[in-house]
C-alpha atoms as a PDB file:
ATOM      1  CA  UNK A   1       9.226 -18.836  18.693  1.00  0.00           C
ATOM      2  CA  UNK A   2       6.217 -18.460  16.471  1.00  0.00           C
ATOM      3  CA  UNK A   3       6.671 -20.091  13.068  1.00  0.00           C
ATOM      4  CA  UNK A   4       5.169 -19.212   9.719  1.00  0.00           C
ATOM      5  CA  UNK A   5       1.497 -20.171   9.400  1.00  0.00           C
ATOM      6  CA  UNK A   6      -0.193 -22.656   7.177  1.00  0.00           C
ATOM      7  CA  UNK A   7      -2.634 -20.904   4.860  1.00  0.00           C
ATOM      8  CA  UNK A   8      -5.633 -21.605   7.039  1.00  0.00           C
ATOM      9  CA  UNK A   9      -5.785 -18.400   9.028  1.00  0.00           C
ATOM     10  CA  UNK A  10      -7.998 -15.464   8.216  1.00  0.00           C
ATOM     11  CA  UNK A  11      -6.128 -12.715   6.413  1.00  0.00           C
ATOM     12  CA  UNK A  12      -6.475  -9.013   7.101  1.00  0.00           C
ATOM     13  CA  UNK A  13      -8.495  -7.636   4.182  1.00  0.00           C
ATOM     14  CA  UNK A  14      -6.485  -4.468   3.740  1.00  0.00           C
ATOM     15  CA  UNK A  15      -5.156  -2.707   0.736  1.00  0.00           C
ATOM     16  CA  UNK A  16      -1.555  -2.972  -0.305  1.00  0.00           C
ATOM     17  CA  UNK A  17      -0.657   0.600  -1.206  1.00  0.00           C
ATOM     18  CA  UNK A  18       2.599  -0.417  -3.117  1.00  0.00           C
ATOM     19  CA  UNK A  19       5.486   1.438  -4.704  1.00  0.00           C
ATOM     20  CA  UNK A  20       6.562   0.800  -8.288  1.00  0.00           C
ATOM     21  CA  UNK A  21       9.726  -1.150  -7.633  1.00  0.00           C
ATOM     22  CA  UNK A  22      10.994  -1.613 -11.159  1.00  0.00           C
ATOM     23  CA  UNK A  23      12.940  -4.770 -11.914  1.00  0.00           C
ATOM     24  CA  UNK A  24      15.172  -4.023  -8.937  1.00  0.00           C
ATOM     25  CA  UNK A  25      15.396  -1.229  -6.401  1.00  0.00           C
ATOM     26  CA  UNK A  26      14.286   2.186  -7.623  1.00  0.00           C
ATOM     27  CA  UNK A  27      16.315   5.347  -7.124  1.00  0.00           C
ATOM     28  CA  UNK A  28      14.296   7.895  -5.152  1.00  0.00           C
ATOM     29  CA  UNK A  29      15.357  11.463  -5.872  1.00  0.00           C
ATOM     30  CA  UNK A  30      12.571  13.153  -3.887  1.00  0.00           C
ATOM     31  CA  UNK A  31      12.437  12.837  -0.124  1.00  0.00           C
ATOM     32  CA  UNK A  32       8.995  11.801   1.091  1.00  0.00           C
ATOM     33  CA  UNK A  33       7.405  12.085   4.512  1.00  0.00           C
ATOM     34  CA  UNK A  34       4.305  10.694   6.205  1.00  0.00           C
ATOM     35  CA  UNK A  35       1.811  12.559   8.379  1.00  0.00           C
ATOM     36  CA  UNK A  36      -1.417  11.555  10.107  1.00  0.00           C
ATOM     37  CA  UNK A  37      -4.477  13.845  10.167  1.00  0.00           C
ATOM     38  CA  UNK A  38      -7.883  13.562  11.870  1.00  0.00           C
ATOM     39  CA  UNK A  39     -10.908  13.198   9.599  1.00  0.00           C
ATOM     40  CA  UNK A  40     -13.776  15.189  11.112  1.00  0.00           C
ATOM     41  CA  UNK A  41     -17.560  15.034  10.688  1.00  0.00           C
ATOM     42  CA  UNK A  42     -18.757  18.629  10.233  1.00  0.00           C
ATOM     43  CA  UNK A  43     -22.134  20.229   9.612  1.00  0.00           C
ATOM     44  CA  UNK A  44     -21.375  20.366   5.873  1.00  0.00           C
ATOM     45  CA  UNK A  45     -19.881  16.888   5.714  1.00  0.00           C
ATOM     46  CA  UNK A  46     -16.440  15.513   6.352  1.00  0.00           C
ATOM     47  CA  UNK A  47     -13.279  17.605   6.382  1.00  0.00           C
ATOM     48  CA  UNK A  48      -9.662  17.020   7.351  1.00  0.00           C
ATOM     49  CA  UNK A  49      -8.190  18.727  10.419  1.00  0.00           C
ATOM     50  CA  UNK A  50      -4.979  20.692   9.804  1.00  0.00           C
ATOM     51  CA  UNK A  51      -3.447  19.445  13.053  1.00  0.00           C
ATOM     52  CA  UNK A  52      -0.985  16.805  11.883  1.00  0.00           C
ATOM     53  CA  UNK A  53       1.001  14.163  13.672  1.00  0.00           C
ATOM     54  CA  UNK A  54       4.319  13.786  11.868  1.00  0.00           C
ATOM     55  CA  UNK A  55       5.223  10.129  11.560  1.00  0.00           C
ATOM     56  CA  UNK A  56       8.418  11.058   9.713  1.00  0.00           C
ATOM     57  CA  UNK A  57      10.261  14.335   9.164  1.00  0.00           C
ATOM     58  CA  UNK A  58      13.657  13.631   7.668  1.00  0.00           C
ATOM     59  CA  UNK A  59      15.672  13.663   4.470  1.00  0.00           C
ATOM     60  CA  UNK A  60      15.024  10.336   2.788  1.00  0.00           C
ATOM     61  CA  UNK A  61      12.328   8.007   1.537  1.00  0.00           C
ATOM     62  CA  UNK A  62       9.453   7.048   3.836  1.00  0.00           C
ATOM     63  CA  UNK A  63       6.387   5.701   2.068  1.00  0.00           C
ATOM     64  CA  UNK A  64       3.575   3.149   1.799  1.00  0.00           C
ATOM     65  CA  UNK A  65       1.693   3.665   5.088  1.00  0.00           C
ATOM     66  CA  UNK A  66      -0.686   0.951   6.257  1.00  0.00           C
ATOM     67  CA  UNK A  67      -2.603   0.892   9.521  1.00  0.00           C
ATOM     68  CA  UNK A  68      -2.678  -2.247  11.608  1.00  0.00           C
ATOM     69  CA  UNK A  69      -6.071  -3.955  12.103  1.00  0.00           C
ATOM     70  CA  UNK A  70      -6.643  -2.205  15.458  1.00  0.00           C
ATOM     71  CA  UNK A  71      -5.547   1.201  14.177  1.00  0.00           C
ATOM     72  CA  UNK A  72      -2.915   1.554  16.911  1.00  0.00           C
ATOM     73  CA  UNK A  73       0.128   1.135  14.658  1.00  0.00           C
ATOM     74  CA  UNK A  74       1.167   2.314  11.222  1.00  0.00           C
ATOM     75  CA  UNK A  75       3.506   0.221   9.075  1.00  0.00           C
ATOM     76  CA  UNK A  76       5.589   1.963   6.432  1.00  0.00           C
ATOM     77  CA  UNK A  77       8.589   1.495   4.151  1.00  0.00           C
ATOM     78  CA  UNK A  78      11.843   3.311   4.997  1.00  0.00           C
ATOM     79  CA  UNK A  79      14.968   3.534   2.867  1.00  0.00           C
ATOM     80  CA  UNK A  80      18.222   3.136   4.806  1.00  0.00           C
ATOM     81  CA  UNK A  81      21.903   3.102   4.046  1.00  0.00           C
ATOM     82  CA  UNK A  82      22.744  -0.480   3.233  1.00  0.00           C
ATOM     83  CA  UNK A  83      24.218  -2.387   6.143  1.00  0.00           C
ATOM     84  CA  UNK A  84      26.838  -4.174   4.062  1.00  0.00           C
ATOM     85  CA  UNK A  85      28.379  -3.266   0.733  1.00  0.00           C
ATOM     86  CA  UNK A  86      27.271  -0.328  -1.360  1.00  0.00           C
ATOM     87  CA  UNK A  87      23.874   1.049  -2.195  1.00  0.00           C
ATOM     88  CA  UNK A  88      20.610   1.370  -0.308  1.00  0.00           C
ATOM     89  CA  UNK A  89      17.871  -0.893   0.928  1.00  0.00           C
ATOM     90  CA  UNK A  90      14.405  -0.565   2.366  1.00  0.00           C
ATOM     91  CA  UNK A  91      12.938  -2.101   5.474  1.00  0.00           C
ATOM     92  CA  UNK A  92       9.537  -2.136   7.135  1.00  0.00           C
ATOM     93  CA  UNK A  93       9.086   0.076  10.180  1.00  0.00           C
ATOM     94  CA  UNK A  94       6.224   0.260  12.662  1.00  0.00           C
ATOM     95  CA  UNK A  95       5.051   3.529  14.226  1.00  0.00           C
ATOM     96  CA  UNK A  96       3.182   3.209  17.528  1.00  0.00           C
ATOM     97  CA  UNK A  97       0.513   5.915  17.686  1.00  0.00           C
ATOM     98  CA  UNK A  98       0.287   5.913  21.494  1.00  0.00           C
ATOM     99  CA  UNK A  99       3.887   6.955  22.153  1.00  0.00           C
ATOM    100  CA  UNK A 100       5.323   7.804  18.678  1.00  0.00           C
ATOM    101  CA  UNK A 101       7.899   5.022  18.984  1.00  0.00           C
ATOM    102  CA  UNK A 102       9.495   3.448  15.909  1.00  0.00           C
ATOM    103  CA  UNK A 103      10.450  -0.214  15.477  1.00  0.00           C
ATOM    104  CA  UNK A 104      12.341  -1.821  12.597  1.00  0.00           C
ATOM    105  CA  UNK A 105      10.175  -4.866  11.895  1.00  0.00           C
ATOM    106  CA  UNK A 106      12.202  -6.704   9.243  1.00  0.00           C
ATOM    107  CA  UNK A 107      15.891  -6.134  10.132  1.00  0.00           C
ATOM    108  CA  UNK A 108      17.463  -7.740   7.060  1.00  0.00           C
ATOM    109  CA  UNK A 109      20.928  -7.286   5.533  1.00  0.00           C
ATOM    110  CA  UNK A 110      20.459  -8.419   1.929  1.00  0.00           C
ATOM    111  CA  UNK A 111      16.703  -8.096   1.281  1.00  0.00           C
ATOM    112  CA  UNK A 112      14.657  -4.946   0.638  1.00  0.00           C
ATOM    113  CA  UNK A 113      11.072  -5.058   1.816  1.00  0.00           C
ATOM    114  CA  UNK A 114       8.188  -2.920   0.614  1.00  0.00           C
ATOM    115  CA  UNK A 115       4.438  -2.616   1.061  1.00  0.00           C
ATOM    116  CA  UNK A 116       3.661  -4.156   4.423  1.00  0.00           C
ATOM    117  CA  UNK A 117       0.095  -5.411   4.853  1.00  0.00           C
ATOM    118  CA  UNK A 118      -1.221  -7.091   8.029  1.00  0.00           C
ATOM    119  CA  UNK A 119      -1.946 -10.735   7.193  1.00  0.00           C
ATOM    120  CA  UNK A 120      -2.829 -12.578  10.396  1.00  0.00           C
ATOM    121  CA  UNK A 121      -1.894 -12.376  14.073  1.00  0.00           C
ATOM    122  CA  UNK A 122       1.902 -12.019  14.222  1.00  0.00           C
ATOM    123  CA  UNK A 123       2.430 -11.792  10.456  1.00  0.00           C
ATOM    124  CA  UNK A 124       2.620  -9.214   7.721  1.00  0.00           C
ATOM    125  CA  UNK A 125       2.999  -9.703   3.999  1.00  0.00           C
ATOM    126  CA  UNK A 126       5.544  -7.734   1.964  1.00  0.00           C
ATOM    127  CA  UNK A 127       7.037  -7.459  -1.482  1.00  0.00           C
ATOM    128  CA  UNK A 128      10.688  -8.390  -1.003  1.00  0.00           C
ATOM    129  CA  UNK A 129      13.603  -7.843  -3.361  1.00  0.00           C
ATOM    130  CA  UNK A 130      16.461 -10.324  -2.882  1.00  0.00           C
ATOM    131  CA  UNK A 131      20.151  -9.899  -3.723  1.00  0.00           C
ATOM    132  CA  UNK A 132      19.499 -11.165  -7.266  1.00  0.00           C
ATOM    133  CA  UNK A 133      16.887  -8.486  -7.874  1.00  0.00           C
ATOM    134  CA  UNK A 134      13.977 -10.957  -7.779  1.00  0.00           C
ATOM    135  CA  UNK A 135      10.726  -9.581  -6.334  1.00  0.00           C
ATOM    136  CA  UNK A 136       8.414 -12.001  -4.544  1.00  0.00           C
ATOM    137  CA  UNK A 137       5.420 -11.765  -2.281  1.00  0.00           C
ATOM    138  CA  UNK A 138       6.463 -12.991   1.167  1.00  0.00           C
ATOM    139  CA  UNK A 139       5.129 -13.555   4.656  1.00  0.00           C
ATOM    140  CA  UNK A 140       7.151 -12.091   7.533  1.00  0.00           C
ATOM    141  CA  UNK A 141       6.842 -12.993  11.195  1.00  0.00           C
ATOM    142  CA  UNK A 142       6.691  -9.863  13.351  1.00  0.00           C
ATOM    143  CA  UNK A 143       7.884 -12.002  16.262  1.00  0.00           C
ATOM    144  CA  UNK A 144      11.171 -13.405  14.928  1.00  0.00           C
ATOM    145  CA  UNK A 145      11.497 -11.790  11.453  1.00  0.00           C
ATOM    146  CA  UNK A 146      11.368 -15.174   9.687  1.00  0.00           C
ATOM    147  CA  UNK A 147      10.376 -14.840   6.027  1.00  0.00           C
ATOM    148  CA  UNK A 148       8.751 -17.204   3.526  1.00  0.00           C
ATOM    149  CA  UNK A 149       8.446 -16.701  -0.226  1.00  0.00           C
ATOM    150  CA  UNK A 150       4.937 -17.252  -1.604  1.00  0.00           C
ATOM    151  CA  UNK A 151       5.033 -18.750  -5.115  1.00  0.00           C
ATOM    152  CA  UNK A 152       8.660 -18.455  -6.230  1.00  0.00           C
ATOM    153  CA  UNK A 153       7.493 -18.843  -9.833  1.00  0.00           C
ATOM    154  CA  UNK A 154       5.466 -15.607  -9.776  1.00  0.00           C
ATOM    155  CA  UNK A 155       7.763 -12.599 -10.011  1.00  0.00           C
ATOM    156  CA  UNK A 156       8.568  -9.747 -10.261  1.00  0.00           C
ATOM    157  CA  UNK A 157       5.599  -8.779  -8.097  1.00  0.00           C
ATOM    158  CA  UNK A 158       5.175  -5.019  -7.770  1.00  0.00           C
ATOM    159  CA  UNK A 159       1.843  -4.535  -5.987  1.00  0.00           C
ATOM    160  CA  UNK A 160      -0.803  -6.758  -4.413  1.00  0.00           C
ATOM    161  CA  UNK A 161      -4.025  -6.994  -2.455  1.00  0.00           C
ATOM    162  CA  UNK A 162      -5.284 -10.005  -0.523  1.00  0.00           C
ATOM    163  CA  UNK A 163      -8.552 -11.520  -1.745  1.00  0.00           C
ATOM    164  CA  UNK A 164      -8.577 -14.060   1.081  1.00  0.00           C
ATOM    165  CA  UNK A 165      -6.039 -16.052   3.103  1.00  0.00           C
ATOM    166  CA  UNK A 166      -4.767 -18.010   0.091  1.00  0.00           C
ATOM    167  CA  UNK A 167      -5.231 -15.708  -2.921  1.00  0.00           C
ATOM    168  CA  UNK A 168      -3.924 -12.261  -3.769  1.00  0.00           C
ATOM    169  CA  UNK A 169      -4.399 -10.054  -6.784  1.00  0.00           C
ATOM    170  CA  UNK A 170      -0.887  -9.126  -7.917  1.00  0.00           C
ATOM    171  CA  UNK A 171       0.622  -6.649 -10.344  1.00  0.00           C
ATOM    172  CA  UNK A 172       3.405  -8.425 -12.230  1.00  0.00           C
ATOM    173  CA  UNK A 173       6.064  -6.158 -13.711  1.00  0.00           C
ATOM    174  CA  UNK A 174       7.276  -6.544 -17.276  1.00  0.00           C
ATOM    175  CA  UNK A 175       7.234  -4.897 -20.677  1.00  0.00           C
ATOM    176  CA  UNK A 176       3.465  -4.941 -20.186  1.00  0.00           C
ATOM    177  CA  UNK A 177       2.287  -4.656 -16.581  1.00  0.00           C
ATOM    178  CA  UNK A 178      -0.274  -7.377 -15.897  1.00  0.00           C
ATOM    179  CA  UNK A 179      -2.818  -8.328 -13.250  1.00  0.00           C
ATOM    180  CA  UNK A 180      -2.833 -11.954 -12.085  1.00  0.00           C
ATOM    181  CA  UNK A 181      -4.078 -13.947  -9.098  1.00  0.00           C
ATOM    182  CA  UNK A 182      -1.371 -15.493  -6.934  1.00  0.00           C
ATOM    183  CA  UNK A 183      -2.816 -18.674  -5.416  1.00  0.00           C
ATOM    184  CA  UNK A 184      -0.685 -20.111  -2.616  1.00  0.00           C
ATOM    185  CA  UNK A 185      -2.484 -23.468  -2.832  1.00  0.00           C
ATOM    186  CA  UNK A 186      -1.927 -23.969  -6.565  1.00  0.00           C
ATOM    187  CA  UNK A 187       1.079 -24.646  -8.790  1.00  0.00           C
ATOM    188  CA  UNK A 188      -0.740 -23.673 -11.965  1.00  0.00           C
ATOM    189  CA  UNK A 189       0.497 -20.740 -14.003  1.00  0.00           C
ATOM    190  CA  UNK A 190      -1.880 -17.802 -13.418  1.00  0.00           C
ATOM    191  CA  UNK A 191      -3.607 -16.190 -16.383  1.00  0.00           C
ATOM    192  CA  UNK A 192      -3.401 -12.514 -17.262  1.00  0.00           C
ATOM    193  CA  UNK A 193      -6.590 -10.729 -16.182  1.00  0.00           C
ATOM    194  CA  UNK A 194      -5.830  -7.106 -17.130  1.00  0.00           C
ATOM    195  CA  UNK A 195      -3.074  -4.798 -18.380  1.00  0.00           C
ATOM    196  CA  UNK A 196      -2.047  -1.185 -17.729  1.00  0.00           C
ATOM    197  CA  UNK A 197      -3.152  -1.307 -14.104  1.00  0.00           C
ATOM    198  CA  UNK A 198      -2.336   1.100 -11.300  1.00  0.00           C
ATOM    199  CA  UNK A 199      -0.310   0.490  -8.168  1.00  0.00           C
ATOM    200  CA  UNK A 200      -3.071   0.713  -5.564  1.00  0.00           C
ATOM    201  CA  UNK A 201      -5.027  -2.346  -4.429  1.00  0.00           C
ATOM    202  CA  UNK A 202      -7.591  -2.312  -1.641  1.00  0.00           C
ATOM    203  CA  UNK A 203      -9.643  -5.139  -0.188  1.00  0.00           C
ATOM    204  CA  UNK A 204     -13.258  -4.071   0.212  1.00  0.00           C
ATOM    205  CA  UNK A 205     -15.040  -7.319   1.125  1.00  0.00           C
ATOM    206  CA  UNK A 206     -14.237 -11.024   1.480  1.00  0.00           C
ATOM    207  CA  UNK A 207     -12.885 -12.304  -1.856  1.00  0.00           C
ATOM    208  CA  UNK A 208     -13.020  -8.823  -3.420  1.00  0.00           C
ATOM    209  CA  UNK A 209     -10.335  -6.205  -4.064  1.00  0.00           C
ATOM    210  CA  UNK A 210     -10.310  -3.010  -6.090  1.00  0.00           C
ATOM    211  CA  UNK A 211      -7.622  -1.705  -8.429  1.00  0.00           C
ATOM    212  CA  UNK A 212      -7.391   0.735 -11.325  1.00  0.00           C
ATOM    213  CA  UNK A 213      -6.896   0.453 -15.070  1.00  0.00           C
ATOM    214  CA  UNK A 214      -5.415   3.420 -16.878  1.00  0.00           C
ATOM    215  CA  UNK A 215      -7.482   4.441 -19.890  1.00  0.00           C
ATOM    216  CA  UNK A 216      -6.279   7.440 -21.912  1.00  0.00           C
ATOM    217  CA  UNK A 217      -4.372   8.802 -18.931  1.00  0.00           C
ATOM    218  CA  UNK A 218      -7.217   8.450 -16.404  1.00  0.00           C
ATOM    219  CA  UNK A 219      -7.376   5.708 -13.776  1.00  0.00           C
ATOM    220  CA  UNK A 220     -10.732   3.900 -13.595  1.00  0.00           C
ATOM    221  CA  UNK A 221     -11.642   1.788 -10.575  1.00  0.00           C
ATOM    222  CA  UNK A 222     -12.468  -1.899 -11.015  1.00  0.00           C
ATOM    223  CA  UNK A 223     -13.201  -4.810  -8.694  1.00  0.00           C
ATOM    224  CA  UNK A 224     -11.570  -8.237  -8.848  1.00  0.00           C
ATOM    225  CA  UNK A 225     -13.063 -11.317  -7.181  1.00  0.00           C
ATOM    226  CA  UNK A 226     -11.329 -14.555  -6.227  1.00  0.00           C
ATOM    227  CA  UNK A 227     -12.544 -16.244  -9.419  1.00  0.00           C
ATOM    228  CA  UNK A 228     -10.804 -13.641 -11.585  1.00  0.00           C
ATOM    229  CA  UNK A 229     -13.920 -11.718 -12.640  1.00  0.00           C
ATOM    230  CA  UNK A 230     -13.538  -7.958 -13.234  1.00  0.00           C
ATOM    231  CA  UNK A 231     -16.300  -5.371 -12.801  1.00  0.00           C
ATOM    232  CA  UNK A 232     -16.221  -1.602 -13.249  1.00  0.00           C
ATOM    233  CA  UNK A 233     -16.802   0.390 -10.054  1.00  0.00           C
ATOM    234  CA  UNK A 234     -17.922   3.386 -12.157  1.00  0.00           C
ATOM    235  CA  UNK A 235     -15.479   5.788 -10.486  1.00  0.00           C
ATOM    236  CA  UNK A 236     -12.815   7.762 -12.316  1.00  0.00           C
ATOM    237  CA  UNK A 237      -9.923   9.246 -10.340  1.00  0.00           C
ATOM    238  CA  UNK A 238      -8.832  12.837 -10.992  1.00  0.00           C
ATOM    239  CA  UNK A 239      -6.257  13.437 -13.698  1.00  0.00           C
ATOM    240  CA  UNK A 240      -2.757  12.461 -12.610  1.00  0.00           C
ATOM    241  CA  UNK A 241      -4.013  10.420  -9.628  1.00  0.00           C
ATOM    242  CA  UNK A 242      -3.756   6.642  -9.154  1.00  0.00           C
ATOM    243  CA  UNK A 243      -3.660   6.273  -5.354  1.00  0.00           C
ATOM    244  CA  UNK A 244      -6.882   6.055  -3.359  1.00  0.00           C
ATOM    245  CA  UNK A 245      -8.452   4.609  -0.246  1.00  0.00           C
ATOM    246  CA  UNK A 246     -12.131   3.757   0.334  1.00  0.00           C
ATOM    247  CA  UNK A 247     -14.049   5.832   2.880  1.00  0.00           C
ATOM    248  CA  UNK A 248     -17.288   3.889   2.431  1.00  0.00           C
ATOM    249  CA  UNK A 249     -19.016   1.798  -0.231  1.00  0.00           C
ATOM    250  CA  UNK A 250     -19.310   4.666  -2.718  1.00  0.00           C
ATOM    251  CA  UNK A 251     -16.559   7.210  -1.902  1.00  0.00           C
ATOM    252  CA  UNK A 252     -12.775   7.149  -2.174  1.00  0.00           C
ATOM    253  CA  UNK A 253     -10.286   9.604  -0.683  1.00  0.00           C
ATOM    254  CA  UNK A 254      -7.461  10.744  -2.978  1.00  0.00           C
ATOM    255  CA  UNK A 255      -4.701  13.328  -2.932  1.00  0.00           C
ATOM    256  CA  UNK A 256      -4.008  15.811  -5.718  1.00  0.00           C
ATOM    257  CA  UNK A 257      -0.984  18.031  -5.119  1.00  0.00           C
ATOM    258  CA  UNK A 258      -1.773  19.644  -1.714  1.00  0.00           C
ATOM    259  CA  UNK A 259      -5.473  18.779  -1.593  1.00  0.00           C
ATOM    260  CA  UNK A 260      -7.359  15.838  -0.155  1.00  0.00           C
ATOM    261  CA  UNK A 261     -10.461  15.045  -2.207  1.00  0.00           C
ATOM    262  CA  UNK A 262     -13.541  12.867  -1.718  1.00  0.00           C
ATOM    263  CA  UNK A 263     -14.608  11.256  -4.990  1.00  0.00           C
ATOM    264  CA  UNK A 264     -17.634   9.196  -5.988  1.00  0.00           C
ATOM    265  CA  UNK A 265     -19.183   8.274  -9.321  1.00  0.00           C
ATOM    266  CA  UNK A 266     -20.669  11.732  -9.859  1.00  0.00           C
ATOM    267  CA  UNK A 267     -18.881  14.314  -7.690  1.00  0.00           C
ATOM    268  CA  UNK A 268     -15.550  15.470  -6.315  1.00  0.00           C
ATOM    269  CA  UNK A 269     -15.452  17.355  -2.992  1.00  0.00           C
ATOM    270  CA  UNK A 270     -12.471  18.980  -1.282  1.00  0.00           C
ATOM    271  CA  UNK A 271     -11.787  17.659   2.228  1.00  0.00           C
ATOM    272  CA  UNK A 272      -8.989  20.124   2.858  1.00  0.00           C
ATOM    273  CA  UNK A 273      -6.003  21.931   1.377  1.00  0.00           C
ATOM    274  CA  UNK A 274      -2.768  21.058   3.176  1.00  0.00           C
ATOM    275  CA  UNK A 275      -0.686  23.685   1.400  1.00  0.00           C
ATOM    276  CA  UNK A 276      -0.351  25.798   4.543  1.00  0.00           C
ATOM    277  CA  UNK A 277       1.323  22.807   6.209  1.00  0.00           C
ATOM    278  CA  UNK A 278       3.983  22.753   3.496  1.00  0.00           C
ATOM    279  CA  UNK A 279       2.403  19.710   1.870  1.00  0.00           C
ATOM    280  CA  UNK A 280       2.547  19.074  -1.871  1.00  0.00           C
ATOM    281  CA  UNK A 281       2.661  16.056  -4.141  1.00  0.00           C
ATOM    282  CA  UNK A 282       0.328  13.871  -2.064  1.00  0.00           C
ATOM    283  CA  UNK A 283       0.456  10.270  -3.305  1.00  0.00           C
ATOM    284  CA  UNK A 284      -0.306   7.246  -1.160  1.00  0.00           C
ATOM    285  CA  UNK A 285      -2.917   7.266   1.574  1.00  0.00           C
ATOM    286  CA  UNK A 286      -4.260   4.988   4.285  1.00  0.00           C
ATOM    287  CA  UNK A 287      -7.371   5.226   6.457  1.00  0.00           C
ATOM    288  CA  UNK A 288      -7.553   3.835   9.970  1.00  0.00           C
ATOM    289  CA  UNK A 289     -10.075   1.014  10.491  1.00  0.00           C
ATOM    290  CA  UNK A 290     -12.523   3.397  12.207  1.00  0.00           C
ATOM    291  CA  UNK A 291     -12.198   5.869   9.268  1.00  0.00           C
ATOM    292  CA  UNK A 292     -11.344   8.715  11.656  1.00  0.00           C
ATOM    293  CA  UNK A 293      -7.676   9.136  10.730  1.00  0.00           C
ATOM    294  CA  UNK A 294      -5.929   9.450   7.386  1.00  0.00           C
ATOM    295  CA  UNK A 295      -2.214   8.921   6.765  1.00  0.00           C
ATOM    296  CA  UNK A 296      -0.708  10.597   3.727  1.00  0.00           C
ATOM    297  CA  UNK A 297       2.610  10.524   1.882  1.00  0.00           C
ATOM    298  CA  UNK A 298       3.825  13.843   0.517  1.00  0.00           C
ATOM    299  CA  UNK A 299       6.932  15.404  -0.965  1.00  0.00           C
ATOM    300  CA  UNK A 300       9.248  16.840   1.648  1.00  0.00           C
ATOM    301  CA  UNK A 301       9.832  20.573   1.073  1.00  0.00           C
ATOM    302  CA  UNK A 302      13.285  21.243  -0.365  1.00  0.00           C
END
């Protein structure tokens, strides 16, 4: 069986589009579903096709989509009835685009996993909540489900994005939400780099991730490098929006209610209105590696 890796392998530089977990599991009142839509190049620019593939259509919480590095699978978080005792827990599922099959990747009894991100061949990283309510960044083998906590001293981790194979930018929950770098090769206490940050991280280049800082109710995009330096990306997200995914070096795709929008430093363009599909409350998004497919999370109609 394949064991957990030493931190020498190249990580997948993908964004961790994470849920606010709170200090323990969060109660989810609104059912959420995931659909996949083609992103088309038209004569007037890009637009989204209104011909969806429904990854999930059920009462319950399905969230945090993330494409695999080849674009052939989509990882997501699903809330289940707890297998033992009372309450609920979440596990990581994998949707195979070729045949629409679903696989439970984590299969745990007393741990809730969130925010799967491909790490290296045969491994994903997750935020995991143990039976004591502690939230750590972990590696999970997709072969035998073995898990390893990364830096037990850094918790509760809410969101993260990998800078490289040994460092991740992490959102640490508390009275004040803080940005730190989790270094798997160091035992030193990480310093606080920013406060009031958003939940969406995305890796855009080696040793570089983006995140947002909320300023007067608006989320502004910033970059973080592996040395802890912050730089403004000069993009403001629309009011009420904190989730995004990069289309190219200057544009991000966001959702606002039923609309998908393309945003850069100067303009906002509508890619499509999904209202006729019964979509509202779009939050998290993911783009396939070839940028031809977008996965969205939306509120299930009541």
